[in-house]
Amino acid sequence: MNENQNTSLKKSTVVYACSGCSDAGELADRIARQLTREGVAEMSCLAGIGGRVKPLVNRAVAAERILAIDGCPLNCTRHTLELAGFKHFDHLELQKLGLRKGSCPVTNEKIATGVAAAKAMLSNAASNMMVPPGAGKSANSLTSIKEPNNSTN
């Protein structure tokens, strides 16, 4: 990905990561931080989404794309975003890359693997944004447009 592509993604993509207590949570967090350092996305606070902190929720609402990174199959990042009303976002699940909770000590190589997967996912999502609304979308679609749920719980 060239520098111009990184810059355009950063302006429009917010990344949220599990920062849980396991090695997989730390890995998800480090991947999100590396994406931010590289200018691919801007990391924001997942706890603020869960706590409905208005400026942090507004940041997510304003984003053109959201990337959720989960370290384990519990998918806390995905669940937090969904409970806050976000329905469409890219979702990177580290266990699907073979990085399993309890057996994936954080290394630069594993961070690079996650960063590469995130970049590929965002590149595919950017390509899909040219598709007419509703065309070819499925539950596993890489579409990045979110629809906040405005109903009260």
C-alpha atoms as a PDB file:
ATOM      1  CA  MET A   1       0.000   0.000   0.000  1.00  0.00           C
ATOM      2  CA  ASN A   2       1.536   3.349  -0.964  1.00  0.00           C
ATOM      3  CA  GLU A   3       1.648   6.468   1.223  1.00  0.00           C
ATOM      4  CA  ASN A   4      -1.254   8.189  -0.601  1.00  0.00           C
ATOM      5  CA  GLN A   5      -3.487   5.168  -0.008  1.00  0.00           C
ATOM      6  CA  ASN A   6      -2.481   5.140   3.678  1.00  0.00           C
ATOM      7  CA  THR A   7      -3.376   8.833   4.013  1.00  0.00           C
ATOM      8  CA  SER A   8      -6.791   8.451   2.406  1.00  0.00           C
ATOM      9  CA  LEU A   9      -7.631   5.447   4.589  1.00  0.00           C
ATOM     10  CA  LYS A  10      -6.593   7.260   7.770  1.00  0.00           C
ATOM     11  CA  LYS A  11      -9.006  10.104   7.081  1.00  0.00           C
ATOM     12  CA  SER A  12     -11.905   7.708   6.784  1.00  0.00           C
ATOM     13  CA  THR A  13     -11.138   4.614   8.857  1.00  0.00           C
ATOM     14  CA  VAL A  14     -11.355   4.192  12.608  1.00  0.00           C
ATOM     15  CA  VAL A  15     -10.013   1.014  14.206  1.00  0.00           C
ATOM     16  CA  TYR A  16     -11.196  -0.527  17.467  1.00  0.00           C
ATOM     17  CA  ALA A  17      -9.397  -3.443  19.070  1.00  0.00           C
ATOM     18  CA  CYS A  18      -9.862  -5.898  21.825  1.00  0.00           C
ATOM     19  CA  SER A  19      -7.275  -5.023  24.425  1.00  0.00           C
ATOM     20  CA  GLY A  20      -8.161  -7.960  26.647  1.00  0.00           C
ATOM     21  CA  CYS A  21      -5.949  -9.600  29.218  1.00  0.00           C
ATOM     22  CA  SER A  22      -4.744 -12.471  27.003  1.00  0.00           C
ATOM     23  CA  ASP A  23      -1.912 -12.571  24.520  1.00  0.00           C
ATOM     24  CA  ALA A  24      -4.507 -12.403  21.728  1.00  0.00           C
ATOM     25  CA  GLY A  25      -5.989  -9.208  23.192  1.00  0.00           C
ATOM     26  CA  GLU A  26      -2.555  -7.633  23.412  1.00  0.00           C
ATOM     27  CA  LEU A  27      -1.865  -8.671  19.838  1.00  0.00           C
ATOM     28  CA  ALA A  28      -5.134  -7.106  18.592  1.00  0.00           C
ATOM     29  CA  ASP A  29      -4.254  -3.888  20.408  1.00  0.00           C
ATOM     30  CA  ARG A  30      -0.718  -3.799  18.999  1.00  0.00           C
ATOM     31  CA  ILE A  31      -2.027  -4.384  15.468  1.00  0.00           C
ATOM     32  CA  ALA A  32      -4.423  -1.433  15.819  1.00  0.00           C
ATOM     33  CA  ARG A  33      -1.629   0.776  17.151  1.00  0.00           C
ATOM     34  CA  GLN A  34       0.645  -0.223  14.249  1.00  0.00           C
ATOM     35  CA  LEU A  35      -2.101   0.596  11.728  1.00  0.00           C
ATOM     36  CA  THR A  36      -2.347   4.026  13.353  1.00  0.00           C
ATOM     37  CA  ARG A  37       1.446   4.556  13.272  1.00  0.00           C
ATOM     38  CA  GLU A  38       1.494   3.608   9.586  1.00  0.00           C
ATOM     39  CA  GLY A  39      -1.326   6.034   8.800  1.00  0.00           C
ATOM     40  CA  VAL A  40      -3.737   3.324   7.662  1.00  0.00           C
ATOM     41  CA  ALA A  41      -6.406   4.059  10.276  1.00  0.00           C
ATOM     42  CA  GLU A  42      -6.958   5.985  13.468  1.00  0.00           C
ATOM     43  CA  MET A  43      -7.326   3.936  16.628  1.00  0.00           C
ATOM     44  CA  SER A  44     -10.108   5.002  18.962  1.00  0.00           C
ATOM     45  CA  CYS A  45     -11.312   3.852  22.367  1.00  0.00           C
ATOM     46  CA  LEU A  46     -13.543   0.791  22.427  1.00  0.00           C
ATOM     47  CA  ALA A  47     -14.345   1.288  26.119  1.00  0.00           C
ATOM     48  CA  GLY A  48     -15.742   4.716  25.198  1.00  0.00           C
ATOM     49  CA  ILE A  49     -18.105   3.058  22.724  1.00  0.00           C
ATOM     50  CA  GLY A  50     -19.241   0.598  25.395  1.00  0.00           C
ATOM     51  CA  GLY A  51     -19.681   3.439  27.891  1.00  0.00           C
ATOM     52  CA  ARG A  52     -21.512   5.565  25.289  1.00  0.00           C
ATOM     53  CA  VAL A  53     -19.069   8.462  25.777  1.00  0.00           C
ATOM     54  CA  LYS A  54     -20.553  11.002  23.382  1.00  0.00           C
ATOM     55  CA  PRO A  55     -17.370  12.378  21.701  1.00  0.00           C
ATOM     56  CA  LEU A  56     -16.060   8.850  21.147  1.00  0.00           C
ATOM     57  CA  VAL A  57     -19.376   7.587  19.773  1.00  0.00           C
ATOM     58  CA  ASN A  58     -19.546  10.663  17.530  1.00  0.00           C
ATOM     59  CA  ARG A  59     -16.087   9.793  16.170  1.00  0.00           C
ATOM     60  CA  ALA A  60     -17.385   6.365  15.173  1.00  0.00           C
ATOM     61  CA  VAL A  61     -20.534   7.821  13.628  1.00  0.00           C
ATOM     62  CA  ALA A  62     -18.446  10.265  11.578  1.00  0.00           C
ATOM     63  CA  ALA A  63     -16.107   7.544  10.273  1.00  0.00           C
ATOM     64  CA  GLU A  64     -16.543   6.389   6.709  1.00  0.00           C
ATOM     65  CA  ARG A  65     -15.270   2.957   7.737  1.00  0.00           C
ATOM     66  CA  ILE A  66     -14.783   1.077  10.964  1.00  0.00           C
ATOM     67  CA  LEU A  67     -12.398  -1.823  11.476  1.00  0.00           C
ATOM     68  CA  ALA A  68     -12.968  -4.075  14.496  1.00  0.00           C
ATOM     69  CA  ILE A  69     -10.099  -6.337  15.549  1.00  0.00           C
ATOM     70  CA  ASP A  70     -10.852  -9.238  17.873  1.00  0.00           C
ATOM     71  CA  GLY A  71      -8.220 -11.377  19.505  1.00  0.00           C
ATOM     72  CA  CYS A  72     -10.371 -14.396  20.306  1.00  0.00           C
ATOM     73  CA  PRO A  73     -13.680 -16.043  19.375  1.00  0.00           C
ATOM     74  CA  LEU A  74     -15.569 -14.154  22.109  1.00  0.00           C
ATOM     75  CA  ASN A  75     -15.543 -11.193  19.667  1.00  0.00           C
ATOM     76  CA  CYS A  76     -15.881  -8.505  22.347  1.00  0.00           C
ATOM     77  CA  THR A  77     -15.026  -5.724  19.878  1.00  0.00           C
ATOM     78  CA  ARG A  78     -17.744  -6.820  17.461  1.00  0.00           C
ATOM     79  CA  HIS A  79     -20.289  -7.202  20.251  1.00  0.00           C
ATOM     80  CA  THR A  80     -19.480  -3.783  21.725  1.00  0.00           C
ATOM     81  CA  LEU A  81     -19.924  -2.066  18.370  1.00  0.00           C
ATOM     82  CA  GLU A  82     -23.165  -3.929  17.670  1.00  0.00           C
ATOM     83  CA  LEU A  83     -24.594  -3.102  21.099  1.00  0.00           C
ATOM     84  CA  ALA A  84     -23.846   0.564  20.378  1.00  0.00           C
ATOM     85  CA  GLY A  85     -25.879   0.277  17.171  1.00  0.00           C
ATOM     86  CA  PHE A  86     -23.173  -0.152  14.545  1.00  0.00           C
ATOM     87  CA  LYS A  87     -24.262  -2.799  12.084  1.00  0.00           C
ATOM     88  CA  HIS A  88     -21.711  -2.690   9.256  1.00  0.00           C
ATOM     89  CA  PHE A  89     -17.980  -2.708   9.803  1.00  0.00           C
ATOM     90  CA  ASP A  90     -14.967  -4.711   8.784  1.00  0.00           C
ATOM     91  CA  HIS A  91     -14.158  -7.427  11.313  1.00  0.00           C
ATOM     92  CA  LEU A  92     -10.703  -8.958  11.625  1.00  0.00           C
ATOM     93  CA  GLU A  93     -10.713 -12.104  13.737  1.00  0.00           C
ATOM     94  CA  LEU A  94      -7.178 -13.094  14.683  1.00  0.00           C
ATOM     95  CA  GLN A  95      -8.092 -16.707  15.392  1.00  0.00           C
ATOM     96  CA  LYS A  96      -8.969 -17.063  11.711  1.00  0.00           C
ATOM     97  CA  LEU A  97      -5.343 -16.173  10.970  1.00  0.00           C
ATOM     98  CA  GLY A  98      -4.199 -19.023  13.217  1.00  0.00           C
ATOM     99  CA  LEU A  99      -3.413 -16.685  16.122  1.00  0.00           C
ATOM    100  CA  ARG A 100      -5.109 -18.419  19.043  1.00  0.00           C
ATOM    101  CA  LYS A 101      -5.735 -17.096  22.532  1.00  0.00           C
ATOM    102  CA  GLY A 102      -3.281 -18.547  25.020  1.00  0.00           C
ATOM    103  CA  SER A 103      -0.785 -19.649  22.390  1.00  0.00           C
ATOM    104  CA  CYS A 104       0.212 -16.529  20.458  1.00  0.00           C
ATOM    105  CA  PRO A 105       2.848 -14.572  22.347  1.00  0.00           C
ATOM    106  CA  VAL A 106       3.200 -11.129  20.785  1.00  0.00           C
ATOM    107  CA  THR A 107       6.023 -10.886  18.270  1.00  0.00           C
ATOM    108  CA  ASN A 108       6.807  -8.406  15.509  1.00  0.00           C
ATOM    109  CA  GLU A 109       6.064 -11.162  12.986  1.00  0.00           C
ATOM    110  CA  LYS A 110       2.562 -11.751  14.398  1.00  0.00           C
ATOM    111  CA  ILE A 111       1.862  -8.014  14.487  1.00  0.00           C
ATOM    112  CA  ALA A 112       2.955  -7.800  10.828  1.00  0.00           C
ATOM    113  CA  THR A 113       0.646 -10.711   9.937  1.00  0.00           C
ATOM    114  CA  GLY A 114      -2.321  -8.923  11.500  1.00  0.00           C
ATOM    115  CA  VAL A 115      -1.430  -5.577   9.941  1.00  0.00           C
ATOM    116  CA  ALA A 116      -1.177  -7.172   6.486  1.00  0.00           C
ATOM    117  CA  ALA A 117      -4.567  -8.858   6.940  1.00  0.00           C
ATOM    118  CA  ALA A 118      -6.144  -5.587   8.060  1.00  0.00           C
ATOM    119  CA  LYS A 119      -4.697  -3.700   5.097  1.00  0.00           C
ATOM    120  CA  ALA A 120      -5.983  -6.360   2.701  1.00  0.00           C
ATOM    121  CA  MET A 121      -9.426  -6.205   4.296  1.00  0.00           C
ATOM    122  CA  LEU A 122      -9.526  -2.407   4.056  1.00  0.00           C
ATOM    123  CA  SER A 123      -8.333  -2.492   0.450  1.00  0.00           C
ATOM    124  CA  ASN A 124     -11.117  -4.930  -0.432  1.00  0.00           C
ATOM    125  CA  ALA A 125     -13.626  -2.773   1.434  1.00  0.00           C
ATOM    126  CA  ALA A 126     -12.478   0.295  -0.479  1.00  0.00           C
ATOM    127  CA  SER A 127     -13.044  -1.577  -3.735  1.00  0.00           C
ATOM    128  CA  ASN A 128     -16.474  -2.711  -2.574  1.00  0.00           C
ATOM    129  CA  MET A 129     -17.541   0.862  -1.824  1.00  0.00           C
ATOM    130  CA  MET A 130     -17.968   1.318  -5.582  1.00  0.00           C
ATOM    131  CA  VAL A 131     -20.675  -1.385  -5.659  1.00  0.00           C
ATOM    132  CA  PRO A 132     -24.281  -0.111  -5.800  1.00  0.00           C
ATOM    133  CA  PRO A 133     -26.138  -0.318  -2.454  1.00  0.00           C
ATOM    134  CA  GLY A 134     -27.440  -3.796  -1.745  1.00  0.00           C
ATOM    135  CA  ALA A 135     -25.539  -5.436  -4.611  1.00  0.00           C
ATOM    136  CA  GLY A 136     -23.732  -8.566  -3.536  1.00  0.00           C
ATOM    137  CA  LYS A 137     -23.899  -7.903   0.179  1.00  0.00           C
ATOM    138  CA  SER A 138     -24.107 -10.738   2.653  1.00  0.00           C
ATOM    139  CA  ALA A 139     -23.749 -11.169   6.392  1.00  0.00           C
ATOM    140  CA  ASN A 140     -20.000 -11.600   5.840  1.00  0.00           C
ATOM    141  CA  SER A 141     -19.703  -8.649   3.458  1.00  0.00           C
ATOM    142  CA  LEU A 142     -16.718  -6.351   3.741  1.00  0.00           C
ATOM    143  CA  THR A 143     -18.889  -3.256   3.413  1.00  0.00           C
ATOM    144  CA  SER A 144     -17.778  -0.534   5.740  1.00  0.00           C
ATOM    145  CA  ILE A 145     -20.767   1.736   5.922  1.00  0.00           C
ATOM    146  CA  LYS A 146     -22.302   1.656   9.348  1.00  0.00           C
ATOM    147  CA  GLU A 147     -25.853   2.348  10.366  1.00  0.00           C
ATOM    148  CA  PRO A 148     -26.047   3.425  13.997  1.00  0.00           C
ATOM    149  CA  ASN A 149     -29.132   2.176  15.779  1.00  0.00           C
ATOM    150  CA  ASN A 150     -30.987   5.248  17.000  1.00  0.00           C
ATOM    151  CA  SER A 151     -33.451   3.318  19.159  1.00  0.00           C
ATOM    152  CA  THR A 152     -33.118   3.462  22.905  1.00  0.00           C
ATOM    153  CA  ASN A 153     -32.454   0.316  24.909  1.00  0.00           C
END
